[in-house]
């Protein structure tokens, strides 16, 4: 997956501020691997914290369960990290769309 520099920077900042994870990131693969390592640490040592973070991030619980069940042989940290990145990218895209639409509103219609 190709990410822009802005997206990588935003995801890296998210990891630092929300997940308390220093994740090196100059590409999607490096970001995914670093985040997966952090997720695996949480699975092993702070599962309650991971569940709380997934709820806070708004990762779809049903989709997560399905993906984990259908990919039992795959590293759970990698699967969860990919879902977190996907969700954060959706949020970034929504923010960009909202800010673009906000600028297209006529002055007499603004609050």
Protein backbone atom coordinates (compact mmCIF):
# COMPACT_ATOMS: atom_id res chain seq x y z
CA UNK A 1 0.00 0.00 0.00
CA UNK A 2 1.32 3.42 -0.93
CA UNK A 3 0.84 6.22 1.57
CA UNK A 4 1.61 9.89 1.20
CA UNK A 5 4.13 11.57 3.48
CA UNK A 6 1.23 13.39 5.19
CA UNK A 7 -0.58 10.12 5.85
CA UNK A 8 2.54 8.44 7.24
CA UNK A 9 3.25 11.44 9.45
CA UNK A 10 -0.34 11.52 10.71
CA UNK A 11 -0.29 7.78 11.43
CA UNK A 12 3.05 8.02 13.21
CA UNK A 13 1.74 10.87 15.36
CA UNK A 14 -1.39 8.84 16.11
CA UNK A 15 0.75 5.89 17.22
CA UNK A 16 2.78 8.12 19.51
CA UNK A 17 -0.10 10.06 21.05
CA UNK A 18 -2.89 7.48 21.20
CA UNK A 19 -1.04 4.19 21.44
CA UNK A 20 2.07 5.45 23.27
CA UNK A 21 4.14 3.65 20.64
CA UNK A 22 7.28 5.01 19.03
CA UNK A 23 6.84 3.48 15.59
CA UNK A 24 9.37 4.20 12.85
CA UNK A 25 7.58 5.03 9.66
CA UNK A 26 8.81 5.91 6.24
CA UNK A 27 6.60 3.38 4.46
CA UNK A 28 3.43 1.41 5.05
CA UNK A 29 5.33 -1.84 5.59
CA UNK A 30 7.64 -0.38 8.22
CA UNK A 31 4.72 1.30 9.98
CA UNK A 32 2.71 -1.94 9.90
CA UNK A 33 5.59 -4.01 11.27
CA UNK A 34 6.37 -1.55 14.08
CA UNK A 35 2.73 -1.20 15.06
CA UNK A 36 2.26 -4.99 14.95
CA UNK A 37 5.16 -5.43 17.38
CA UNK A 38 3.53 -2.96 19.77
CA UNK A 39 0.14 -4.69 19.41
CA UNK A 40 1.74 -8.07 20.14
CA UNK A 41 3.25 -6.62 23.33
CA UNK A 42 -0.19 -5.42 24.35
CA UNK A 43 -1.71 -8.84 23.57
CA UNK A 44 0.86 -10.53 25.81
CA UNK A 45 1.08 -8.04 28.67
CA UNK A 46 -1.80 -5.55 28.59
CA UNK A 47 -4.72 -7.15 26.77
CA UNK A 48 -7.20 -4.96 28.65
CA UNK A 49 -5.40 -1.87 27.36
CA UNK A 50 -5.55 -3.21 23.80
CA UNK A 51 -9.30 -3.80 24.03
CA UNK A 52 -9.76 -0.27 25.38
CA UNK A 53 -7.67 1.21 22.55
CA UNK A 54 -9.56 -0.73 19.87
CA UNK A 55 -12.82 0.63 21.27
CA UNK A 56 -11.40 4.17 21.41
CA UNK A 57 -10.09 3.93 17.83
CA UNK A 58 -13.46 2.54 16.73
CA UNK A 59 -12.25 -0.66 15.12
CA UNK A 60 -15.24 -2.75 14.05
CA UNK A 61 -15.39 -5.63 16.55
CA UNK A 62 -17.30 -8.01 14.26
CA UNK A 63 -14.89 -7.46 11.38
CA UNK A 64 -11.93 -7.92 13.69
CA UNK A 65 -13.27 -11.23 15.04
CA UNK A 66 -14.00 -12.47 11.52
CA UNK A 67 -10.55 -11.52 10.24
CA UNK A 68 -8.82 -13.13 13.21
CA UNK A 69 -10.88 -16.32 12.85
CA UNK A 70 -10.37 -16.56 9.09
CA UNK A 71 -6.62 -15.95 9.39
CA UNK A 72 -5.74 -18.00 12.47
CA UNK A 73 -2.28 -18.86 11.10
CA UNK A 74 -1.39 -15.18 10.60
CA UNK A 75 0.19 -13.03 13.30
CA UNK A 76 -2.70 -11.40 15.19
CA UNK A 77 -0.63 -8.27 15.78
CA UNK A 78 -0.21 -7.77 12.04
CA UNK A 79 -3.94 -8.24 11.39
CA UNK A 80 -4.94 -5.84 14.19
CA UNK A 81 -2.31 -3.29 13.13
CA UNK A 82 -3.62 -3.38 9.55
CA UNK A 83 -7.17 -2.78 10.80
CA UNK A 84 -6.02 0.13 12.99
CA UNK A 85 -4.15 1.73 10.09
CA UNK A 86 -7.13 1.25 7.78
CA UNK A 87 -9.48 2.86 10.32
CA UNK A 88 -7.17 5.81 10.89
CA UNK A 89 -6.83 6.36 7.13
CA UNK A 90 -10.63 6.40 6.88
CA UNK A 91 -10.72 9.10 9.56
CA UNK A 92 -8.04 11.12 7.78
CA UNK A 93 -9.96 10.89 4.51
CA UNK A 94 -13.19 11.97 6.24
CA UNK A 95 -11.46 14.98 7.79
CA UNK A 96 -10.11 16.04 4.40
CA UNK A 97 -13.54 15.66 2.78
CA UNK A 98 -15.21 17.60 5.57
CA UNK A 99 -12.68 20.43 5.44
CA UNK A 100 -13.00 20.61 1.64
CA UNK A 101 -16.81 20.73 1.87
CA UNK A 102 -16.63 23.32 4.64
CA UNK A 103 -14.84 25.72 2.30
CA UNK A 104 -17.54 25.29 -0.37
CA UNK A 105 -20.40 26.54 1.84
CA UNK A 106 -21.82 29.94 0.95
CA UNK A 107 -21.21 32.60 3.61
CA UNK A 108 -24.93 33.17 4.18
CA UNK A 109 -25.36 29.45 4.98
CA UNK A 110 -22.53 29.24 7.52
CA UNK A 111 -23.36 29.28 11.21
